[in-house]
Amino acid sequence: MSFTLGDRILSATPGRHQPPGSSGTRLKRDAAPIPLALLASDPMTEDCAIAYLSQSPPLRLLSRDQSSEAEAVLVLASTVTGDTLTSIEGIVREASGATPSVVLVADSISRSHLVRAISHGLISFLPRPQAGMERVVQAVLATRAGHADLPQPMVKALIEQIRSGDDGQTGTDPGSAGLNRREINVLSLVADGLATSEIAQQLNYSEKTIKNILHSMTVRVGLRNRAHAVAYAIRAGIV
């Protein structure tokens, strides 16, 4: 299988480019490295990724028998299949701590697979042609702060999938949603595809306030990211 990302890994060795994790998102100076489980679509891609990620100090690459320790899971796949999702679910199910955050790099993903992946911790999706390894590492580092990276067309597809009632998930009683009016207003605008700055302008809040509303809501209700929050609200019949 030809995997463009593998070529990028080989060309992104320290000394020729910035060292892994040297720019963009950084962990606090005294923060422990992020324990990272790796799933790859083929042995060549896996070997290339291991060679790169093992030189990234902010990450602690786990062996297969250490995957229960994962705080984050990086998945490199050309095509997302049912087997891909089953592998992700296996790591998530065996996690000894909180649900690991999943970063997925692939060419594409179907709507039904997207819903299933988000329900098992997907927080970022990077289109493979745009995903150099430096960006992949930054996406993994950002998971510790709860930052999501889902392309807007993907969020829209997710919303349409859930609203169609064909997401394979059971409904939620609107009375048990646990969201206040301000949170519902913000989520409604997220579902409409508005960016944080646009939501702030429309509701006459600061961008920081919008971010705080979303963060507080996702932590309180036990959601993983904006897309998961929108899915939750749609199933509850709120938006």
Protein backbone atom coordinates (compact mmCIF):
# COMPACT_ATOMS: atom_id res chain seq x y z
CA MET A 1 0.00 0.00 0.00
CA SER A 2 1.31 3.43 -0.90
CA PHE A 3 1.13 5.83 2.02
CA THR A 4 2.22 9.41 1.34
CA LEU A 5 2.48 10.12 5.04
CA GLY A 6 5.19 7.48 5.32
CA ASP A 7 7.34 9.39 2.84
CA ARG A 8 6.82 12.58 4.83
CA ILE A 9 7.93 10.84 8.00
CA LEU A 10 11.14 9.71 6.34
CA SER A 11 11.88 13.23 5.11
CA ALA A 12 11.08 14.87 8.44
CA THR A 13 14.07 13.67 10.41
CA PRO A 14 15.59 16.00 13.03
CA GLY A 15 18.48 18.04 11.66
CA ARG A 16 16.76 18.68 8.36
CA HIS A 17 13.62 20.14 9.91
CA GLN A 18 12.68 21.39 13.33
CA PRO A 19 12.79 18.67 15.99
CA PRO A 20 9.46 17.00 16.69
CA GLY A 21 7.32 19.09 18.98
CA SER A 22 9.66 22.09 18.76
CA SER A 23 7.04 24.54 17.47
CA GLY A 24 3.36 25.23 17.90
CA THR A 25 1.60 23.57 20.83
CA ARG A 26 3.91 22.74 23.71
CA LEU A 27 3.44 21.02 27.03
CA LYS A 28 4.23 22.90 30.21
CA ARG A 29 7.87 22.65 31.16
CA ASP A 30 7.21 20.27 34.07
CA ALA A 31 4.43 18.28 32.34
CA ALA A 32 4.87 14.55 31.89
CA PRO A 33 5.10 13.28 28.29
CA ILE A 34 1.84 12.13 26.74
CA PRO A 35 1.61 8.31 26.68
CA LEU A 36 0.74 7.56 23.04
CA ALA A 37 -0.58 4.37 21.47
CA LEU A 38 -0.01 4.00 17.72
CA LEU A 39 -2.22 2.19 15.21
CA ALA A 40 -1.03 2.07 11.60
CA SER A 41 -2.53 0.58 8.46
CA ASP A 42 0.61 -1.27 7.42
CA PRO A 43 4.05 -2.23 8.79
CA MET A 44 5.99 0.28 6.68
CA THR A 45 3.90 3.20 7.89
CA GLU A 46 4.17 1.95 11.46
CA ASP A 47 7.97 1.67 11.26
CA CYS A 48 8.29 5.19 9.81
CA ALA A 49 5.98 6.65 12.45
CA ILE A 50 7.84 4.91 15.28
CA ALA A 51 11.16 6.26 13.97
CA TYR A 52 9.81 9.80 14.07
CA LEU A 53 7.66 9.73 17.20
CA SER A 54 10.30 8.02 19.33
CA GLN A 55 12.41 11.18 18.90
CA SER A 56 9.64 13.47 20.12
CA PRO A 57 10.29 14.29 23.80
CA PRO A 58 6.73 15.49 24.54
CA LEU A 59 5.45 12.01 23.70
CA ARG A 60 6.03 8.59 25.26
CA LEU A 61 5.40 6.03 22.57
CA LEU A 62 3.85 2.89 24.02
CA SER A 63 4.39 -0.68 22.95
CA ARG A 64 1.35 -2.82 22.17
CA ASP A 65 1.31 -4.39 25.61
CA GLN A 66 1.38 -0.92 27.22
CA SER A 67 -1.61 0.46 25.31
CA SER A 68 -3.82 0.44 28.42
CA GLU A 69 -1.70 3.38 29.66
CA ALA A 70 -2.56 5.53 26.62
CA GLU A 71 -3.68 9.12 27.12
CA ALA A 72 -3.88 9.56 23.35
CA VAL A 73 -4.16 7.27 20.35
CA LEU A 74 -2.72 8.13 16.93
CA VAL A 75 -4.28 6.25 14.02
CA LEU A 76 -2.65 6.32 10.56
CA ALA A 77 -4.88 4.77 7.91
CA SER A 78 -5.48 5.29 4.21
CA THR A 79 -9.04 3.96 4.47
CA VAL A 80 -11.06 3.88 7.68
CA THR A 81 -12.76 0.50 7.90
CA GLY A 82 -14.77 -1.35 10.49
CA ASP A 83 -11.55 -3.10 11.52
CA THR A 84 -9.89 0.28 12.06
CA LEU A 85 -12.67 1.31 14.43
CA THR A 86 -12.63 -2.03 16.21
CA SER A 87 -8.91 -1.56 16.90
CA ILE A 88 -9.55 1.93 18.29
CA GLU A 89 -12.39 0.64 20.45
CA GLY A 90 -10.15 -2.12 21.77
CA ILE A 91 -7.59 0.37 23.08
CA VAL A 92 -10.28 2.65 24.50
CA ARG A 93 -12.01 -0.26 26.24
CA GLU A 94 -8.76 -1.41 27.87
CA ALA A 95 -7.67 2.05 29.01
CA SER A 96 -6.84 2.09 32.70
CA GLY A 97 -7.62 5.80 33.09
CA ALA A 98 -9.83 8.32 31.31
CA THR A 99 -10.95 7.69 27.74
CA PRO A 100 -7.94 8.32 25.46
CA SER A 101 -8.19 11.12 22.91
CA VAL A 102 -7.98 9.81 19.35
CA VAL A 103 -6.21 11.59 16.50
CA LEU A 104 -7.03 10.02 13.13
CA VAL A 105 -5.06 10.62 9.92
CA ALA A 106 -6.77 9.23 6.82
CA ASP A 107 -7.92 10.07 3.32
CA SER A 108 -11.58 10.10 4.28
CA ILE A 109 -14.16 8.60 6.62
CA SER A 110 -17.82 7.74 6.11
CA ARG A 111 -20.53 9.47 8.13
CA SER A 112 -21.47 6.34 10.02
CA HIS A 113 -17.84 5.60 10.85
CA LEU A 114 -17.36 9.22 11.95
CA VAL A 115 -20.21 8.98 14.45
CA ARG A 116 -18.84 5.72 15.77
CA ALA A 117 -15.30 7.10 16.03
CA ILE A 118 -16.41 10.22 17.94
CA SER A 119 -18.33 8.06 20.40
CA HIS A 120 -15.04 6.30 21.14
CA GLY A 121 -12.84 9.34 21.64
CA LEU A 122 -12.07 10.85 18.22
CA ILE A 123 -11.08 14.46 18.84
CA SER A 124 -9.08 15.33 15.71
CA PHE A 125 -9.19 14.25 12.08
CA LEU A 126 -6.35 15.26 9.74
CA PRO A 127 -6.72 14.70 5.98
CA ARG A 128 -3.76 12.55 5.00
CA PRO A 129 -2.48 14.69 2.08
CA GLN A 130 -2.19 17.68 4.45
CA ALA A 131 -0.73 15.82 7.42
CA GLY A 132 3.02 16.19 7.75
CA MET A 133 4.34 14.61 10.91
CA GLU A 134 5.04 17.93 12.62
CA ARG A 135 1.33 18.77 12.33
CA VAL A 136 0.38 15.30 13.55
CA VAL A 137 2.52 15.74 16.67
CA GLN A 138 0.97 19.15 17.32
CA ALA A 139 -2.52 17.63 17.08
CA VAL A 140 -1.57 14.97 19.63
CA LEU A 141 -0.11 17.57 22.01
CA ALA A 142 -3.26 19.68 21.69
CA THR A 143 -5.44 16.80 22.93
CA ARG A 144 -4.18 17.28 26.48
CA ALA A 145 -5.74 20.76 26.49
CA GLY A 146 -8.95 19.35 25.01
CA HIS A 147 -8.48 21.07 21.65
CA ALA A 148 -10.33 19.45 18.78
CA ASP A 149 -9.45 19.62 15.08
CA LEU A 150 -12.36 18.49 12.93
CA PRO A 151 -12.81 20.02 9.46
CA GLN A 152 -16.05 22.01 9.24
CA PRO A 153 -17.47 19.86 6.38
CA MET A 154 -16.98 16.85 8.63
CA VAL A 155 -18.85 18.51 11.51
CA LYS A 156 -21.68 19.35 9.11
CA ALA A 157 -21.80 15.77 7.84
CA LEU A 158 -21.93 14.52 11.42
CA ILE A 159 -24.84 16.80 12.25
CA GLU A 160 -26.75 15.73 9.15
CA GLN A 161 -26.12 12.07 9.96
CA ILE A 162 -27.45 12.43 13.49
CA ARG A 163 -30.43 14.56 12.48
CA SER A 164 -31.40 11.92 9.93
CA GLY A 165 -31.74 9.46 12.81
CA ASP A 166 -29.31 7.07 11.13
CA ASP A 167 -26.41 7.27 13.56
CA GLY A 168 -26.88 3.90 15.23
CA GLN A 169 -27.23 5.58 18.63
CA THR A 170 -30.15 5.62 20.99
CA GLY A 171 -31.93 8.88 21.78
CA THR A 172 -31.53 10.99 24.89
CA ASP A 173 -34.39 12.30 26.96
CA PRO A 174 -34.42 16.09 26.43
CA GLY A 175 -35.22 16.58 30.08
CA SER A 176 -31.98 14.86 31.08
CA ALA A 177 -29.67 16.81 28.79
CA GLY A 178 -28.43 19.00 31.63
CA LEU A 179 -27.68 22.06 29.48
CA ASN A 180 -28.65 25.62 30.33
CA ARG A 181 -30.09 28.15 27.88
CA ARG A 182 -26.76 29.85 27.22
CA GLU A 183 -25.09 26.53 26.42
CA ILE A 184 -27.96 25.57 24.13
CA ASN A 185 -27.66 28.89 22.28
CA VAL A 186 -23.94 28.35 21.75
CA LEU A 187 -24.40 24.76 20.61
CA SER A 188 -27.12 25.77 18.15
CA LEU A 189 -24.69 28.16 16.47
CA VAL A 190 -21.91 25.56 16.48
CA ALA A 191 -24.35 23.20 14.75
CA ASP A 192 -24.98 25.90 12.16
CA GLY A 193 -21.28 25.91 11.35
CA LEU A 194 -20.30 29.23 12.94
CA ALA A 195 -16.74 29.78 14.14
CA THR A 196 -16.00 30.85 17.72
CA SER A 197 -15.52 34.49 16.68
CA GLU A 198 -18.85 34.50 14.81
CA ILE A 199 -20.69 32.97 17.77
CA ALA A 200 -19.18 35.56 20.10
CA GLN A 201 -20.28 38.37 17.81
CA GLN A 202 -23.81 37.04 17.42
CA LEU A 203 -24.35 36.46 21.14
CA ASN A 204 -22.44 39.59 22.18
CA TYR A 205 -19.89 37.65 24.24
CA SER A 206 -16.12 37.59 24.07
CA GLU A 207 -14.42 34.69 22.29
CA LYS A 208 -12.93 33.67 25.64
CA THR A 209 -16.43 33.44 27.15
CA ILE A 210 -17.60 31.19 24.30
CA LYS A 211 -14.59 28.93 24.75
CA ASN A 212 -15.22 28.79 28.50
CA ILE A 213 -18.89 27.92 27.96
CA LEU A 214 -17.98 25.06 25.64
CA HIS A 215 -15.21 23.78 27.88
CA SER A 216 -17.32 23.90 31.03
CA MET A 217 -20.19 22.13 29.31
CA THR A 218 -18.10 19.34 27.80
CA VAL A 219 -16.33 18.65 31.10
CA ARG A 220 -19.55 18.71 33.16
CA VAL A 221 -21.57 16.48 30.84
CA GLY A 222 -18.64 14.18 30.05
CA LEU A 223 -18.31 15.03 26.36
CA ARG A 224 -15.11 14.92 24.35
CA ASN A 225 -15.23 17.84 21.91
CA ARG A 226 -17.56 20.22 20.06
CA ALA A 227 -18.76 17.61 17.61
CA HIS A 228 -19.61 15.22 20.43
CA ALA A 229 -21.44 18.04 22.24
CA VAL A 230 -23.49 18.87 19.15
CA ALA A 231 -24.32 15.20 18.67
CA TYR A 232 -25.43 14.99 22.30
CA ALA A 233 -27.69 18.03 21.93
CA ILE A 234 -29.23 16.81 18.68
CA ARG A 235 -30.05 13.40 20.17
CA ALA A 236 -31.65 15.20 23.10
CA GLY A 237 -33.82 17.18 20.70
CA ILE A 238 -32.34 20.49 21.85
CA VAL A 239 -30.92 21.79 18.56
